[in-house]
């Protein structure tokens, strides 16, 4: 991925196909994790269901963001 970033001086297309995972600190040890940039080829609701099953003490939902699209 770094080789692609070093090609050329323009930033066009560098963000294409990347998945962003953000962790936001809440109260104490609690955190909020957001996942953005998953391709439309995947059903995000099924991904959330699989994550909730795999990581038992968590919750999840798919939210439509006006700028970022669907965010888990």
N, C-alpha and C. Protein backbone atom coordinates (compact mmCIF):
# COMPACT_ATOMS: atom_id res chain seq x y z
N UNK A 1 0.82 -1.22 0.00
CA UNK A 1 0.00 0.00 0.00
C UNK A 1 0.85 1.27 0.00
N UNK A 2 2.05 1.24 0.59
CA UNK A 2 2.88 2.43 0.63
C UNK A 2 3.48 2.72 -0.74
N UNK A 3 3.69 1.69 -1.54
CA UNK A 3 4.23 1.89 -2.88
C UNK A 3 3.24 2.68 -3.73
N UNK A 4 1.94 2.41 -3.56
CA UNK A 4 0.93 3.15 -4.30
C UNK A 4 0.90 4.61 -3.87
N UNK A 5 1.14 4.88 -2.60
CA UNK A 5 1.10 6.25 -2.09
C UNK A 5 2.26 7.07 -2.61
N UNK A 6 3.37 6.44 -2.91
CA UNK A 6 4.53 7.19 -3.36
C UNK A 6 4.51 7.47 -4.86
N UNK A 7 3.58 6.87 -5.59
CA UNK A 7 3.48 7.10 -7.03
C UNK A 7 2.85 8.45 -7.29
N UNK A 8 3.54 9.31 -8.01
CA UNK A 8 2.97 10.59 -8.41
C UNK A 8 2.81 11.54 -7.24
N UNK A 9 2.51 12.79 -7.58
CA UNK A 9 2.35 13.81 -6.56
C UNK A 9 0.90 14.12 -6.25
N UNK A 10 -0.03 13.60 -7.02
CA UNK A 10 -1.44 13.91 -6.81
C UNK A 10 -2.04 12.94 -5.80
N UNK A 11 -3.07 13.41 -5.11
CA UNK A 11 -3.75 12.58 -4.11
C UNK A 11 -5.01 11.94 -4.68
N UNK A 12 -5.21 12.03 -5.97
CA UNK A 12 -6.42 11.48 -6.58
C UNK A 12 -6.40 9.97 -6.51
N UNK A 13 -7.48 9.38 -5.98
CA UNK A 13 -7.63 7.95 -5.94
C UNK A 13 -6.92 7.24 -4.81
N UNK A 14 -6.19 7.95 -3.96
CA UNK A 14 -5.49 7.28 -2.87
C UNK A 14 -6.45 6.76 -1.81
N UNK A 15 -7.57 7.43 -1.62
CA UNK A 15 -8.54 7.02 -0.60
C UNK A 15 -9.49 5.95 -1.14
N UNK A 16 -9.41 5.65 -2.41
CA UNK A 16 -10.29 4.67 -3.04
C UNK A 16 -10.00 3.27 -2.51
N UNK A 17 -11.00 2.57 -2.01
CA UNK A 17 -10.84 1.20 -1.58
C UNK A 17 -10.26 1.02 -0.19
N UNK A 18 -10.03 2.09 0.56
CA UNK A 18 -9.50 1.97 1.91
C UNK A 18 -10.63 1.83 2.92
N UNK A 19 -10.38 1.08 3.97
CA UNK A 19 -11.34 0.92 5.06
C UNK A 19 -10.76 1.64 6.27
N UNK A 20 -11.55 2.54 6.84
CA UNK A 20 -11.12 3.31 8.01
C UNK A 20 -11.76 2.73 9.26
N UNK A 21 -10.94 2.39 10.24
CA UNK A 21 -11.41 1.91 11.54
C UNK A 21 -10.99 2.94 12.57
N UNK A 22 -11.98 3.51 13.24
CA UNK A 22 -11.70 4.55 14.23
C UNK A 22 -12.17 4.07 15.60
N UNK A 23 -11.36 4.35 16.62
CA UNK A 23 -11.71 4.02 18.00
C UNK A 23 -11.79 5.32 18.78
N UNK A 24 -12.96 5.57 19.37
CA UNK A 24 -13.17 6.80 20.13
C UNK A 24 -13.36 6.44 21.60
N UNK A 25 -12.60 7.07 22.48
CA UNK A 25 -12.66 6.81 23.91
C UNK A 25 -13.94 7.43 24.49
N UNK A 26 -14.62 6.67 25.31
CA UNK A 26 -15.81 7.15 26.01
C UNK A 26 -15.49 7.26 27.49
N UNK A 27 -16.40 6.87 28.33
CA UNK A 27 -16.22 6.95 29.78
C UNK A 27 -15.37 5.77 30.27
N UNK A 28 -14.30 6.07 31.00
CA UNK A 28 -13.48 5.01 31.59
C UNK A 28 -12.86 4.12 30.54
N UNK A 29 -13.18 2.82 30.60
CA UNK A 29 -12.61 1.85 29.67
C UNK A 29 -13.47 1.63 28.43
N UNK A 30 -14.60 2.28 28.34
CA UNK A 30 -15.52 2.04 27.22
C UNK A 30 -15.05 2.79 25.97
N UNK A 31 -15.20 2.14 24.82
CA UNK A 31 -14.81 2.75 23.56
C UNK A 31 -15.92 2.57 22.53
N UNK A 32 -15.88 3.39 21.49
CA UNK A 32 -16.80 3.31 20.37
C UNK A 32 -15.96 3.12 19.12
N UNK A 33 -16.19 2.05 18.38
CA UNK A 33 -15.42 1.76 17.18
C UNK A 33 -16.32 1.95 15.97
N UNK A 34 -15.85 2.71 14.97
CA UNK A 34 -16.60 2.89 13.73
C UNK A 34 -15.78 2.35 12.57
N UNK A 35 -16.46 1.73 11.62
CA UNK A 35 -15.82 1.17 10.43
C UNK A 35 -16.48 1.82 9.21
N UNK A 36 -15.65 2.40 8.35
CA UNK A 36 -16.15 3.12 7.19
C UNK A 36 -15.36 2.70 5.97
N UNK A 37 -16.01 2.68 4.82
CA UNK A 37 -15.33 2.40 3.56
C UNK A 37 -15.47 0.98 3.07
N UNK A 38 -16.37 0.21 3.67
CA UNK A 38 -16.59 -1.17 3.21
C UNK A 38 -17.34 -1.11 1.88
N UNK A 39 -16.91 -1.90 0.94
CA UNK A 39 -17.49 -1.91 -0.40
C UNK A 39 -18.97 -2.25 -0.35
N UNK A 40 -19.70 -1.76 -1.34
CA UNK A 40 -21.13 -2.05 -1.43
C UNK A 40 -21.39 -3.49 -1.86
N UNK A 41 -20.33 -4.22 -2.22
CA UNK A 41 -20.47 -5.63 -2.57
C UNK A 41 -20.87 -6.47 -1.36
N UNK A 42 -20.59 -5.97 -0.15
CA UNK A 42 -20.88 -6.69 1.08
C UNK A 42 -22.13 -6.13 1.74
N UNK A 43 -22.90 -7.02 2.35
CA UNK A 43 -24.07 -6.59 3.11
C UNK A 43 -23.61 -6.22 4.51
N UNK A 44 -23.66 -4.94 4.82
CA UNK A 44 -23.12 -4.44 6.10
C UNK A 44 -23.92 -4.95 7.29
N UNK A 45 -25.20 -5.16 7.11
CA UNK A 45 -26.01 -5.67 8.21
C UNK A 45 -25.62 -7.10 8.58
N UNK A 46 -25.25 -7.91 7.57
CA UNK A 46 -24.78 -9.27 7.84
C UNK A 46 -23.42 -9.24 8.52
N UNK A 47 -22.57 -8.28 8.13
CA UNK A 47 -21.26 -8.14 8.79
C UNK A 47 -21.44 -7.79 10.27
N UNK A 48 -22.38 -6.89 10.56
CA UNK A 48 -22.64 -6.50 11.95
C UNK A 48 -23.15 -7.70 12.73
N UNK A 49 -24.04 -8.47 12.12
CA UNK A 49 -24.58 -9.65 12.79
C UNK A 49 -23.49 -10.66 13.11
N UNK A 50 -22.55 -10.85 12.17
CA UNK A 50 -21.44 -11.79 12.39
C UNK A 50 -20.51 -11.28 13.49
N UNK A 51 -20.25 -9.98 13.51
CA UNK A 51 -19.37 -9.41 14.55
C UNK A 51 -20.02 -9.53 15.92
N UNK A 52 -21.31 -9.29 16.00
CA UNK A 52 -22.00 -9.39 17.28
C UNK A 52 -21.99 -10.82 17.80
N UNK A 53 -22.04 -11.78 16.87
CA UNK A 53 -22.00 -13.18 17.27
C UNK A 53 -20.60 -13.59 17.70
N UNK A 54 -19.58 -13.11 16.99
CA UNK A 54 -18.19 -13.46 17.30
C UNK A 54 -17.70 -12.80 18.59
N UNK A 55 -18.00 -11.52 18.74
CA UNK A 55 -17.56 -10.76 19.91
C UNK A 55 -18.77 -10.55 20.81
N UNK A 56 -19.08 -11.52 21.63
CA UNK A 56 -20.33 -11.60 22.38
C UNK A 56 -20.72 -10.34 23.17
N UNK A 57 -19.82 -9.70 23.92
CA UNK A 57 -20.30 -8.58 24.73
C UNK A 57 -20.32 -7.25 23.99
N UNK A 58 -20.65 -7.26 22.70
CA UNK A 58 -20.67 -6.00 21.96
C UNK A 58 -22.02 -5.79 21.30
N UNK A 59 -22.21 -4.60 20.79
CA UNK A 59 -23.42 -4.25 20.09
C UNK A 59 -23.00 -3.61 18.77
N UNK A 60 -23.90 -3.46 17.83
CA UNK A 60 -23.54 -2.84 16.57
C UNK A 60 -24.76 -2.45 15.77
N UNK A 61 -24.57 -1.48 14.88
CA UNK A 61 -25.62 -1.03 14.01
C UNK A 61 -25.00 -0.38 12.77
N UNK A 62 -25.80 -0.25 11.72
CA UNK A 62 -25.37 0.43 10.49
C UNK A 62 -26.09 1.76 10.44
N UNK A 63 -25.30 2.85 10.29
CA UNK A 63 -25.86 4.20 10.28
C UNK A 63 -25.54 4.85 8.93
N UNK A 64 -26.50 5.54 8.35
CA UNK A 64 -26.27 6.27 7.10
C UNK A 64 -25.78 7.67 7.42
N UNK A 65 -24.53 7.96 7.03
CA UNK A 65 -23.93 9.27 7.27
C UNK A 65 -24.00 10.05 5.96
N UNK A 66 -24.38 11.34 6.00
CA UNK A 66 -24.52 12.10 4.75
C UNK A 66 -23.22 12.24 3.95
N UNK A 67 -22.08 12.32 4.62
CA UNK A 67 -20.80 12.50 3.92
C UNK A 67 -20.09 11.17 3.67
N UNK A 68 -20.11 10.25 4.65
CA UNK A 68 -19.32 9.02 4.58
C UNK A 68 -20.10 7.82 4.07
N UNK A 69 -21.38 7.92 3.88
CA UNK A 69 -22.19 6.79 3.45
C UNK A 69 -22.57 5.91 4.63
N UNK A 70 -22.64 4.61 4.40
CA UNK A 70 -23.01 3.70 5.48
C UNK A 70 -21.80 3.43 6.36
N UNK A 71 -21.98 3.61 7.68
CA UNK A 71 -20.91 3.41 8.66
C UNK A 71 -21.39 2.40 9.67
N UNK A 72 -20.52 1.43 10.01
CA UNK A 72 -20.85 0.44 11.04
C UNK A 72 -20.39 0.98 12.37
